[in-house]
N, C-alpha and C. Protein backbone atom coordinates (compact mmCIF):
# COMPACT_ATOMS: atom_id res chain seq x y z
N MET A 1 55.79 -81.32 -72.14
CA MET A 1 55.12 -82.28 -73.02
C MET A 1 55.80 -83.64 -72.91
N THR A 2 55.00 -84.64 -73.16
CA THR A 2 55.48 -86.01 -73.13
C THR A 2 56.08 -86.37 -74.48
N SER A 3 57.14 -87.16 -74.47
CA SER A 3 57.78 -87.59 -75.70
C SER A 3 56.77 -88.27 -76.62
N GLY A 4 56.82 -87.96 -77.92
CA GLY A 4 55.90 -88.53 -78.88
C GLY A 4 54.63 -87.72 -79.05
N TYR A 5 54.44 -86.73 -78.21
CA TYR A 5 53.26 -85.87 -78.30
C TYR A 5 53.66 -84.52 -78.87
N THR A 6 52.75 -83.93 -79.64
CA THR A 6 52.94 -82.59 -80.19
C THR A 6 51.88 -81.68 -79.60
N LYS A 7 52.28 -80.49 -79.19
CA LYS A 7 51.33 -79.53 -78.64
C LYS A 7 50.59 -78.84 -79.79
N ALA A 8 49.28 -78.66 -79.61
CA ALA A 8 48.46 -77.95 -80.58
C ALA A 8 47.53 -76.99 -79.84
N ILE A 9 47.20 -75.90 -80.51
CA ILE A 9 46.21 -74.96 -80.01
C ILE A 9 44.98 -75.07 -80.90
N LEU A 10 43.82 -75.30 -80.28
CA LEU A 10 42.57 -75.41 -81.00
C LEU A 10 41.68 -74.23 -80.62
N ALA A 11 41.01 -73.63 -81.59
CA ALA A 11 40.06 -72.55 -81.34
C ALA A 11 38.66 -73.10 -81.54
N LEU A 12 37.78 -72.82 -80.58
CA LEU A 12 36.41 -73.29 -80.64
C LEU A 12 35.46 -72.11 -80.62
N GLY A 13 34.39 -72.20 -81.40
CA GLY A 13 33.38 -71.16 -81.41
C GLY A 13 32.00 -71.73 -81.66
N SER A 14 30.98 -71.05 -81.12
CA SER A 14 29.60 -71.47 -81.31
C SER A 14 28.70 -70.24 -81.25
N ASN A 15 27.75 -70.15 -82.19
CA ASN A 15 26.78 -69.05 -82.10
C ASN A 15 25.34 -69.52 -82.34
N LEU A 16 25.11 -70.81 -82.30
CA LEU A 16 23.76 -71.36 -82.41
C LEU A 16 23.50 -72.33 -81.26
N GLY A 17 22.27 -72.32 -80.76
CA GLY A 17 21.89 -73.26 -79.72
C GLY A 17 22.46 -72.88 -78.37
N GLU A 18 22.64 -73.87 -77.54
CA GLU A 18 23.18 -73.68 -76.19
C GLU A 18 24.70 -73.60 -76.29
N ARG A 19 25.18 -72.42 -76.63
CA ARG A 19 26.58 -72.22 -76.99
C ARG A 19 27.55 -72.69 -75.91
N ASN A 20 27.31 -72.32 -74.68
CA ASN A 20 28.23 -72.65 -73.59
C ASN A 20 28.29 -74.16 -73.37
N ASP A 21 27.13 -74.82 -73.38
CA ASP A 21 27.09 -76.28 -73.24
C ASP A 21 27.81 -76.95 -74.40
N THR A 22 27.61 -76.41 -75.60
CA THR A 22 28.28 -76.96 -76.78
C THR A 22 29.79 -76.91 -76.61
N LEU A 23 30.32 -75.77 -76.16
CA LEU A 23 31.77 -75.67 -75.98
C LEU A 23 32.26 -76.65 -74.93
N SER A 24 31.53 -76.77 -73.83
CA SER A 24 31.94 -77.70 -72.76
C SER A 24 31.97 -79.14 -73.24
N THR A 25 30.92 -79.55 -73.93
CA THR A 25 30.88 -80.94 -74.39
C THR A 25 31.89 -81.17 -75.51
N ALA A 26 32.16 -80.14 -76.30
CA ALA A 26 33.16 -80.28 -77.37
C ALA A 26 34.55 -80.46 -76.78
N VAL A 27 34.89 -79.72 -75.74
CA VAL A 27 36.19 -79.90 -75.09
C VAL A 27 36.34 -81.34 -74.62
N ALA A 28 35.31 -81.87 -73.97
CA ALA A 28 35.36 -83.25 -73.48
C ALA A 28 35.52 -84.24 -74.64
N ALA A 29 34.80 -84.02 -75.73
CA ALA A 29 34.88 -84.92 -76.87
C ALA A 29 36.24 -84.84 -77.56
N LEU A 30 36.79 -83.64 -77.62
CA LEU A 30 38.09 -83.48 -78.29
C LEU A 30 39.20 -84.20 -77.55
N VAL A 31 39.11 -84.30 -76.24
CA VAL A 31 40.16 -84.97 -75.48
C VAL A 31 39.75 -86.37 -75.04
N ASP A 32 38.67 -86.88 -75.61
CA ASP A 32 38.20 -88.22 -75.26
C ASP A 32 39.16 -89.33 -75.70
N PRO A 33 39.67 -89.30 -76.93
CA PRO A 33 40.57 -90.40 -77.31
C PRO A 33 41.91 -90.28 -76.58
N PRO A 34 42.55 -91.41 -76.30
CA PRO A 34 43.83 -91.36 -75.58
C PRO A 34 44.94 -90.66 -76.35
N GLU A 35 44.76 -90.47 -77.66
CA GLU A 35 45.77 -89.80 -78.47
C GLU A 35 45.77 -88.29 -78.30
N VAL A 36 44.79 -87.75 -77.56
CA VAL A 36 44.69 -86.31 -77.34
C VAL A 36 44.56 -86.05 -75.85
N ARG A 37 45.48 -85.27 -75.31
CA ARG A 37 45.48 -84.94 -73.88
C ARG A 37 45.28 -83.45 -73.69
N LEU A 38 44.45 -83.10 -72.73
CA LEU A 38 44.18 -81.70 -72.43
C LEU A 38 45.32 -81.09 -71.62
N LEU A 39 45.80 -79.93 -72.08
CA LEU A 39 46.80 -79.17 -71.33
C LEU A 39 46.16 -77.98 -70.62
N GLY A 40 45.12 -77.39 -71.23
CA GLY A 40 44.47 -76.25 -70.60
C GLY A 40 43.39 -75.67 -71.49
N VAL A 41 42.47 -74.92 -70.86
CA VAL A 41 41.42 -74.23 -71.60
C VAL A 41 41.40 -72.77 -71.16
N SER A 42 41.05 -71.92 -72.10
CA SER A 42 40.96 -70.49 -71.82
C SER A 42 39.60 -70.16 -71.23
N PRO A 43 39.46 -68.96 -70.69
CA PRO A 43 38.12 -68.47 -70.39
C PRO A 43 37.33 -68.32 -71.70
N VAL A 44 36.02 -68.30 -71.57
CA VAL A 44 35.14 -68.12 -72.73
C VAL A 44 34.88 -66.63 -72.90
N VAL A 45 34.90 -66.19 -74.16
CA VAL A 45 34.59 -64.80 -74.47
C VAL A 45 33.41 -64.75 -75.43
N GLN A 46 32.67 -63.66 -75.38
CA GLN A 46 31.56 -63.44 -76.30
C GLN A 46 32.00 -62.41 -77.32
N THR A 47 31.70 -62.67 -78.59
CA THR A 47 32.17 -61.81 -79.67
C THR A 47 31.08 -61.65 -80.73
N LYS A 48 31.17 -60.57 -81.45
CA LYS A 48 30.35 -60.38 -82.64
C LYS A 48 30.89 -61.30 -83.73
N ALA A 49 30.03 -61.71 -84.66
CA ALA A 49 30.48 -62.51 -85.79
C ALA A 49 31.43 -61.67 -86.64
N VAL A 50 32.52 -62.27 -87.09
CA VAL A 50 33.48 -61.60 -87.95
C VAL A 50 33.31 -62.17 -89.35
N GLY A 51 32.96 -61.33 -90.30
CA GLY A 51 32.71 -61.80 -91.66
C GLY A 51 31.37 -62.50 -91.72
N GLY A 52 31.07 -63.06 -92.86
CA GLY A 52 29.83 -63.81 -93.03
C GLY A 52 28.60 -62.93 -93.08
N PRO A 53 27.43 -63.56 -93.07
CA PRO A 53 26.18 -62.82 -93.19
C PRO A 53 25.93 -61.88 -92.01
N GLU A 54 25.26 -60.78 -92.30
CA GLU A 54 24.88 -59.82 -91.26
C GLU A 54 23.81 -60.43 -90.35
N GLY A 55 23.73 -59.91 -89.13
CA GLY A 55 22.65 -60.28 -88.22
C GLY A 55 22.81 -61.62 -87.52
N GLN A 56 24.00 -62.20 -87.56
CA GLN A 56 24.22 -63.46 -86.86
C GLN A 56 24.21 -63.24 -85.35
N PRO A 57 23.82 -64.27 -84.59
CA PRO A 57 23.95 -64.17 -83.14
C PRO A 57 25.43 -64.06 -82.75
N ASP A 58 25.69 -63.53 -81.57
CA ASP A 58 27.06 -63.45 -81.06
C ASP A 58 27.63 -64.85 -80.87
N PHE A 59 28.94 -64.94 -81.00
CA PHE A 59 29.66 -66.19 -80.77
C PHE A 59 30.17 -66.26 -79.34
N LEU A 60 30.28 -67.46 -78.83
CA LEU A 60 31.12 -67.74 -77.68
C LEU A 60 32.36 -68.40 -78.26
N ASN A 61 33.53 -67.92 -77.84
CA ASN A 61 34.80 -68.44 -78.35
C ASN A 61 35.73 -68.78 -77.19
N MET A 62 36.60 -69.72 -77.45
CA MET A 62 37.63 -70.12 -76.48
C MET A 62 38.74 -70.83 -77.23
N VAL A 63 39.84 -71.03 -76.56
CA VAL A 63 40.89 -71.88 -77.12
C VAL A 63 41.25 -72.94 -76.09
N MET A 64 41.82 -74.00 -76.60
CA MET A 64 42.32 -75.05 -75.71
C MET A 64 43.68 -75.51 -76.21
N ALA A 65 44.53 -75.86 -75.26
CA ALA A 65 45.84 -76.42 -75.58
C ALA A 65 45.76 -77.92 -75.34
N VAL A 66 46.24 -78.67 -76.31
CA VAL A 66 46.27 -80.13 -76.20
C VAL A 66 47.66 -80.61 -76.60
N GLU A 67 47.94 -81.85 -76.24
CA GLU A 67 49.09 -82.55 -76.82
C GLU A 67 48.55 -83.83 -77.42
N THR A 68 49.11 -84.20 -78.56
CA THR A 68 48.54 -85.33 -79.30
C THR A 68 49.62 -86.13 -80.02
N THR A 69 49.30 -87.41 -80.22
CA THR A 69 50.15 -88.27 -81.06
C THR A 69 49.57 -88.36 -82.47
N LEU A 70 48.42 -87.73 -82.70
CA LEU A 70 47.83 -87.71 -84.04
C LEU A 70 48.65 -86.82 -84.97
N THR A 71 48.58 -87.10 -86.25
CA THR A 71 49.18 -86.20 -87.25
C THR A 71 48.26 -84.99 -87.38
N PRO A 72 48.73 -83.91 -88.00
CA PRO A 72 47.84 -82.76 -88.19
C PRO A 72 46.55 -83.12 -88.92
N LEU A 73 46.62 -83.93 -89.99
CA LEU A 73 45.41 -84.29 -90.73
C LEU A 73 44.50 -85.21 -89.92
N GLU A 74 45.08 -86.09 -89.11
CA GLU A 74 44.25 -86.93 -88.23
C GLU A 74 43.55 -86.07 -87.18
N LEU A 75 44.25 -85.07 -86.64
CA LEU A 75 43.63 -84.17 -85.67
C LEU A 75 42.51 -83.37 -86.34
N LEU A 76 42.74 -82.92 -87.58
CA LEU A 76 41.70 -82.19 -88.31
C LEU A 76 40.46 -83.06 -88.48
N LYS A 77 40.65 -84.32 -88.87
CA LYS A 77 39.51 -85.23 -89.02
C LYS A 77 38.79 -85.39 -87.69
N HIS A 78 39.53 -85.53 -86.60
CA HIS A 78 38.92 -85.66 -85.28
C HIS A 78 38.11 -84.40 -84.94
N CYS A 79 38.66 -83.23 -85.23
CA CYS A 79 37.93 -81.96 -84.98
C CYS A 79 36.65 -81.92 -85.79
N HIS A 80 36.71 -82.34 -87.06
CA HIS A 80 35.51 -82.36 -87.91
C HIS A 80 34.48 -83.36 -87.39
N ASP A 81 34.95 -84.51 -86.88
CA ASP A 81 34.03 -85.49 -86.30
C ASP A 81 33.29 -84.90 -85.10
N VAL A 82 34.01 -84.16 -84.26
CA VAL A 82 33.37 -83.53 -83.09
C VAL A 82 32.38 -82.46 -83.55
N GLU A 83 32.74 -81.69 -84.58
CA GLU A 83 31.79 -80.72 -85.13
C GLU A 83 30.51 -81.43 -85.59
N GLN A 84 30.66 -82.56 -86.26
CA GLN A 84 29.50 -83.32 -86.75
C GLN A 84 28.63 -83.82 -85.60
N GLN A 85 29.24 -84.20 -84.49
CA GLN A 85 28.47 -84.63 -83.32
C GLN A 85 27.55 -83.51 -82.84
N HIS A 86 27.93 -82.28 -83.15
CA HIS A 86 27.14 -81.10 -82.77
C HIS A 86 26.35 -80.54 -83.95
N HIS A 87 26.17 -81.37 -84.98
CA HIS A 87 25.33 -81.04 -86.14
C HIS A 87 25.81 -79.82 -86.91
N ARG A 88 27.12 -79.70 -87.05
CA ARG A 88 27.71 -78.61 -87.82
C ARG A 88 27.35 -78.76 -89.28
N THR A 89 26.91 -77.67 -89.90
CA THR A 89 26.68 -77.67 -91.34
C THR A 89 27.59 -76.61 -91.96
N ARG A 90 27.94 -76.80 -93.21
CA ARG A 90 28.83 -75.87 -93.92
C ARG A 90 28.13 -75.36 -95.17
N GLU A 91 27.07 -74.57 -94.95
CA GLU A 91 26.28 -74.07 -96.07
C GLU A 91 26.73 -72.68 -96.51
N VAL A 92 27.10 -71.82 -95.56
CA VAL A 92 27.48 -70.45 -95.86
C VAL A 92 28.83 -70.19 -95.23
N ARG A 93 29.79 -69.70 -96.03
CA ARG A 93 31.11 -69.40 -95.48
C ARG A 93 30.98 -68.37 -94.37
N TRP A 94 31.58 -68.66 -93.23
CA TRP A 94 31.56 -67.82 -92.04
C TRP A 94 30.14 -67.56 -91.54
N GLY A 95 29.24 -68.49 -91.86
CA GLY A 95 27.86 -68.37 -91.40
C GLY A 95 27.70 -68.87 -89.99
N PRO A 96 26.47 -68.79 -89.47
CA PRO A 96 26.20 -69.27 -88.12
C PRO A 96 26.50 -70.77 -88.02
N ARG A 97 26.92 -71.19 -86.84
CA ARG A 97 27.23 -72.61 -86.67
C ARG A 97 27.09 -73.04 -85.23
N THR A 98 26.73 -74.29 -85.07
CA THR A 98 26.64 -74.85 -83.73
C THR A 98 28.01 -75.00 -83.11
N LEU A 99 29.00 -75.37 -83.94
CA LEU A 99 30.35 -75.56 -83.43
C LEU A 99 31.35 -75.41 -84.57
N ASP A 100 32.40 -74.69 -84.29
CA ASP A 100 33.52 -74.56 -85.22
C ASP A 100 34.78 -74.87 -84.42
N VAL A 101 35.61 -75.78 -84.92
CA VAL A 101 36.87 -76.12 -84.27
C VAL A 101 37.97 -75.96 -85.31
N ASP A 102 38.94 -75.08 -85.02
CA ASP A 102 40.06 -74.85 -85.92
C ASP A 102 41.37 -75.20 -85.23
N ILE A 103 42.29 -75.76 -85.99
CA ILE A 103 43.65 -75.95 -85.50
C ILE A 103 44.40 -74.66 -85.78
N VAL A 104 44.84 -74.00 -84.73
CA VAL A 104 45.55 -72.72 -84.87
C VAL A 104 47.02 -72.98 -85.12
N VAL A 105 47.64 -73.76 -84.26
CA VAL A 105 49.03 -74.17 -84.44
C VAL A 105 49.15 -75.64 -84.08
N PHE A 106 50.14 -76.29 -84.66
CA PHE A 106 50.42 -77.70 -84.39
C PHE A 106 51.92 -77.82 -84.26
N GLY A 107 52.42 -77.77 -83.02
CA GLY A 107 53.86 -77.79 -82.81
C GLY A 107 54.53 -76.69 -83.61
N ASP A 108 55.62 -77.05 -84.27
CA ASP A 108 56.33 -76.09 -85.13
C ASP A 108 55.99 -76.27 -86.60
N VAL A 109 54.92 -77.01 -86.88
CA VAL A 109 54.55 -77.31 -88.27
C VAL A 109 54.11 -76.04 -88.98
N VAL A 110 54.65 -75.86 -90.18
CA VAL A 110 54.21 -74.79 -91.08
C VAL A 110 53.80 -75.50 -92.37
N SER A 111 52.55 -75.27 -92.77
CA SER A 111 52.02 -75.97 -93.95
C SER A 111 51.10 -75.05 -94.73
N ASP A 112 51.28 -75.04 -96.05
CA ASP A 112 50.40 -74.28 -96.93
C ASP A 112 49.40 -75.20 -97.63
N ASP A 113 49.24 -76.41 -97.12
CA ASP A 113 48.31 -77.37 -97.69
C ASP A 113 46.91 -76.76 -97.71
N PRO A 114 46.21 -76.78 -98.85
CA PRO A 114 44.88 -76.17 -98.91
C PRO A 114 43.86 -76.85 -97.99
N ILE A 115 44.08 -78.09 -97.62
CA ILE A 115 43.18 -78.79 -96.71
C ILE A 115 43.42 -78.34 -95.27
N LEU A 116 44.67 -78.10 -94.91
CA LEU A 116 45.01 -77.67 -93.55
C LEU A 116 46.24 -76.76 -93.61
N THR A 117 45.99 -75.47 -93.50
CA THR A 117 47.06 -74.49 -93.47
C THR A 117 47.41 -74.23 -92.01
N ILE A 118 48.69 -74.39 -91.68
CA ILE A 118 49.16 -74.19 -90.31
C ILE A 118 50.38 -73.28 -90.34
N PRO A 119 50.44 -72.27 -89.46
CA PRO A 119 49.40 -71.80 -88.56
C PRO A 119 48.16 -71.37 -89.33
N HIS A 120 47.04 -71.34 -88.60
CA HIS A 120 45.76 -70.93 -89.23
C HIS A 120 45.98 -69.60 -89.92
N PRO A 121 45.56 -69.47 -91.19
CA PRO A 121 45.92 -68.29 -91.97
C PRO A 121 45.35 -66.95 -91.49
N ARG A 122 44.27 -66.97 -90.72
CA ARG A 122 43.69 -65.70 -90.25
C ARG A 122 43.78 -65.53 -88.74
N ALA A 123 44.39 -66.46 -88.04
CA ALA A 123 44.44 -66.40 -86.57
C ALA A 123 45.13 -65.14 -86.06
N ALA A 124 46.18 -64.68 -86.74
CA ALA A 124 46.94 -63.51 -86.27
C ALA A 124 46.14 -62.21 -86.34
N GLU A 125 44.97 -62.24 -86.98
CA GLU A 125 44.14 -61.05 -87.12
C GLU A 125 42.87 -61.11 -86.28
N ARG A 126 42.66 -62.19 -85.56
CA ARG A 126 41.38 -62.43 -84.90
C ARG A 126 41.50 -62.41 -83.38
N ALA A 127 41.03 -61.33 -82.79
CA ALA A 127 41.07 -61.22 -81.32
C ALA A 127 40.26 -62.33 -80.67
N PHE A 128 39.22 -62.81 -81.34
CA PHE A 128 38.40 -63.87 -80.73
C PHE A 128 39.18 -65.18 -80.56
N VAL A 129 40.30 -65.32 -81.25
CA VAL A 129 41.22 -66.43 -81.04
C VAL A 129 42.38 -65.97 -80.14
N LEU A 130 42.96 -64.85 -80.48
CA LEU A 130 44.18 -64.36 -79.81
C LEU A 130 43.96 -64.00 -78.34
N TYR A 131 42.87 -63.30 -78.05
CA TYR A 131 42.66 -62.85 -76.67
C TYR A 131 42.47 -64.03 -75.71
N PRO A 132 41.57 -64.99 -75.99
CA PRO A 132 41.48 -66.11 -75.06
C PRO A 132 42.78 -66.91 -74.97
N TRP A 133 43.49 -67.01 -76.11
CA TRP A 133 44.78 -67.73 -76.10
C TRP A 133 45.76 -67.00 -75.19
N SER A 134 45.77 -65.68 -75.24
CA SER A 134 46.69 -64.91 -74.39
C SER A 134 46.34 -65.06 -72.92
N LEU A 135 45.07 -65.28 -72.61
CA LEU A 135 44.68 -65.52 -71.22
C LEU A 135 45.14 -66.89 -70.75
N LEU A 136 45.11 -67.86 -71.65
CA LEU A 136 45.56 -69.21 -71.33
C LEU A 136 47.09 -69.28 -71.25
N GLU A 137 47.76 -68.65 -72.20
CA GLU A 137 49.22 -68.69 -72.30
C GLU A 137 49.74 -67.28 -72.54
N PRO A 138 49.96 -66.51 -71.47
CA PRO A 138 50.35 -65.10 -71.62
C PRO A 138 51.60 -64.85 -72.45
N HIS A 139 52.49 -65.84 -72.55
CA HIS A 139 53.74 -65.63 -73.29
C HIS A 139 53.73 -66.31 -74.66
N ALA A 140 52.56 -66.75 -75.11
CA ALA A 140 52.47 -67.46 -76.40
C ALA A 140 52.88 -66.54 -77.55
N GLN A 141 53.42 -67.17 -78.57
CA GLN A 141 53.86 -66.48 -79.77
C GLN A 141 53.17 -67.10 -80.98
N LEU A 142 52.87 -66.26 -81.97
CA LEU A 142 52.33 -66.72 -83.24
C LEU A 142 53.10 -65.99 -84.33
N ASN A 143 53.70 -66.74 -85.21
CA ASN A 143 54.52 -66.16 -86.28
C ASN A 143 55.58 -65.21 -85.73
N GLY A 144 56.15 -65.58 -84.56
CA GLY A 144 57.22 -64.78 -83.97
C GLY A 144 56.77 -63.53 -83.24
N ARG A 145 55.46 -63.34 -83.08
CA ARG A 145 54.93 -62.16 -82.39
C ARG A 145 54.12 -62.58 -81.18
N SER A 146 54.06 -61.73 -80.20
CA SER A 146 53.28 -62.00 -79.00
C SER A 146 51.80 -62.09 -79.34
N VAL A 147 51.16 -63.16 -78.87
CA VAL A 147 49.72 -63.33 -79.10
C VAL A 147 48.95 -62.20 -78.43
N ALA A 148 49.37 -61.79 -77.24
CA ALA A 148 48.69 -60.70 -76.53
C ALA A 148 48.80 -59.38 -77.31
N GLU A 149 49.98 -59.11 -77.87
CA GLU A 149 50.15 -57.88 -78.65
C GLU A 149 49.33 -57.92 -79.94
N LEU A 150 49.28 -59.08 -80.58
CA LEU A 150 48.45 -59.23 -81.79
C LEU A 150 46.97 -59.02 -81.45
N ALA A 151 46.54 -59.55 -80.32
CA ALA A 151 45.14 -59.38 -79.90
C ALA A 151 44.81 -57.91 -79.68
N ALA A 152 45.72 -57.19 -79.06
CA ALA A 152 45.48 -55.79 -78.72
C ALA A 152 45.23 -54.93 -79.94
N VAL A 153 45.82 -55.29 -81.09
CA VAL A 153 45.66 -54.47 -82.29
C VAL A 153 44.69 -55.07 -83.31
N ALA A 154 44.09 -56.21 -82.98
CA ALA A 154 43.14 -56.84 -83.91
C ALA A 154 41.87 -56.00 -84.02
N ALA A 155 41.33 -55.93 -85.22
CA ALA A 155 40.16 -55.07 -85.48
C ALA A 155 38.96 -55.44 -84.63
N ASP A 156 38.81 -56.71 -84.27
CA ASP A 156 37.63 -57.13 -83.51
C ASP A 156 37.82 -57.07 -81.99
N MET A 157 38.98 -56.61 -81.52
CA MET A 157 39.22 -56.57 -80.07
C MET A 157 38.20 -55.72 -79.31
N PRO A 158 37.75 -54.58 -79.83
CA PRO A 158 36.76 -53.79 -79.07
C PRO A 158 35.44 -54.52 -78.83
N ASP A 159 35.14 -55.56 -79.60
CA ASP A 159 33.87 -56.28 -79.45
C ASP A 159 33.96 -57.49 -78.53
N ILE A 160 35.14 -57.75 -77.95
CA ILE A 160 35.32 -58.92 -77.09
C ILE A 160 34.76 -58.63 -75.69
N ARG A 161 34.01 -59.57 -75.16
CA ARG A 161 33.50 -59.49 -73.79
C ARG A 161 33.73 -60.83 -73.12
N ARG A 162 34.17 -60.80 -71.87
CA ARG A 162 34.27 -62.07 -71.13
C ARG A 162 32.86 -62.57 -70.86
N PHE A 163 32.71 -63.87 -70.91
CA PHE A 163 31.40 -64.51 -70.69
C PHE A 163 31.47 -65.28 -69.39
N ASP A 164 30.51 -65.02 -68.49
CA ASP A 164 30.57 -65.67 -67.18
C ASP A 164 29.88 -67.02 -67.14
N GLY A 165 29.22 -67.43 -68.22
CA GLY A 165 28.64 -68.76 -68.27
C GLY A 165 27.20 -68.85 -67.82
N TYR A 166 26.61 -67.76 -67.39
CA TYR A 166 25.24 -67.83 -66.90
C TYR A 166 24.28 -67.21 -67.90
N GLY A 167 23.08 -67.75 -67.94
CA GLY A 167 22.01 -67.14 -68.71
C GLY A 167 22.06 -67.37 -70.20
N ASP A 168 22.86 -68.31 -70.68
CA ASP A 168 22.97 -68.55 -72.12
C ASP A 168 21.82 -69.43 -72.58
N VAL A 169 20.81 -68.83 -73.17
CA VAL A 169 19.65 -69.57 -73.65
C VAL A 169 19.51 -69.30 -75.14
N ALA A 170 19.71 -70.34 -75.94
CA ALA A 170 19.57 -70.24 -77.40
C ALA A 170 20.40 -69.09 -77.97
N GLY A 171 21.61 -68.93 -77.43
CA GLY A 171 22.52 -67.93 -77.98
C GLY A 171 22.26 -66.52 -77.49
N VAL A 172 21.33 -66.34 -76.56
CA VAL A 172 21.03 -65.00 -76.05
C VAL A 172 21.32 -64.96 -74.56
N PRO A 173 22.35 -64.21 -74.14
CA PRO A 173 22.67 -64.16 -72.72
C PRO A 173 21.61 -63.38 -71.96
N ALA A 174 21.36 -63.79 -70.73
CA ALA A 174 20.47 -63.03 -69.86
C ALA A 174 21.18 -61.77 -69.41
N THR A 175 20.44 -60.85 -68.88
CA THR A 175 21.01 -59.58 -68.38
C THR A 175 22.13 -59.89 -67.41
N GLY A 176 23.24 -59.21 -67.57
CA GLY A 176 24.36 -59.38 -66.64
C GLY A 176 25.27 -60.55 -66.96
N ALA A 177 25.00 -61.25 -68.05
CA ALA A 177 25.80 -62.44 -68.37
C ALA A 177 27.12 -62.11 -69.03
N VAL A 178 27.32 -60.87 -69.39
CA VAL A 178 28.57 -60.48 -70.05
C VAL A 178 29.20 -59.35 -69.27
N GLU A 179 30.52 -59.33 -69.26
CA GLU A 179 31.22 -58.23 -68.60
C GLU A 179 32.34 -57.75 -69.48
N GLN A 180 32.82 -56.58 -69.24
CA GLN A 180 33.95 -56.04 -70.00
C GLN A 180 35.22 -56.80 -69.66
N PRO A 181 36.13 -56.98 -70.63
CA PRO A 181 37.41 -57.65 -70.34
C PRO A 181 38.26 -56.83 -69.40
C-alpha cells in the first residue's frame, strides 16, 4: 500500500436487473475518484438471498480490495452514492436490490458506530462475502480468523455457485451459466 492510503474490503451484491453489468459498472464507479484505488476484484458468485422476503431472485456477489485516502464515513458516503447511481432503494430490510455495497473492513479500524460498524457485523457469518474474499485473498483474516475457514462453516456456503458471466438476463441465468465451486 501507498503511504496515506488505507486498505478496505468492499462487498458488492445485486439481485435485480442486469446483475453482472451492475457489478461491473459499480466497480468502475467505486474506483473512479483518485482517492480510491483498485487493488483487486474477486470472481463473481451466485447465491440465494440470505434473510429478507421469500422468493427473491438469486444474488450475484463479489468483493473488491481498494486503498483509499477517504475516511471510513467518506467511503461509506461514496458507496451510497454509487448505489444511488444504480437506483438502489431501501424499502425492505434485506429485500431485493439493484446494488448493495458494504464496507467489510477498513484497515485496522474497529468501530461500533451505528452508522458504520467495522468490521461489518455479519460478514463473519456470510459465505457470500467470505468465499469470494478468500478467492481474492487466500490468507485474509477477519476478527483473527481465516476468511476461508469462516466461509467453509458459514450456513449459506452450500448455496454458493461460481458465476461465469454469461446468460444473465434480468437476474435469470441461462442454462449452463452457473457451475459448482
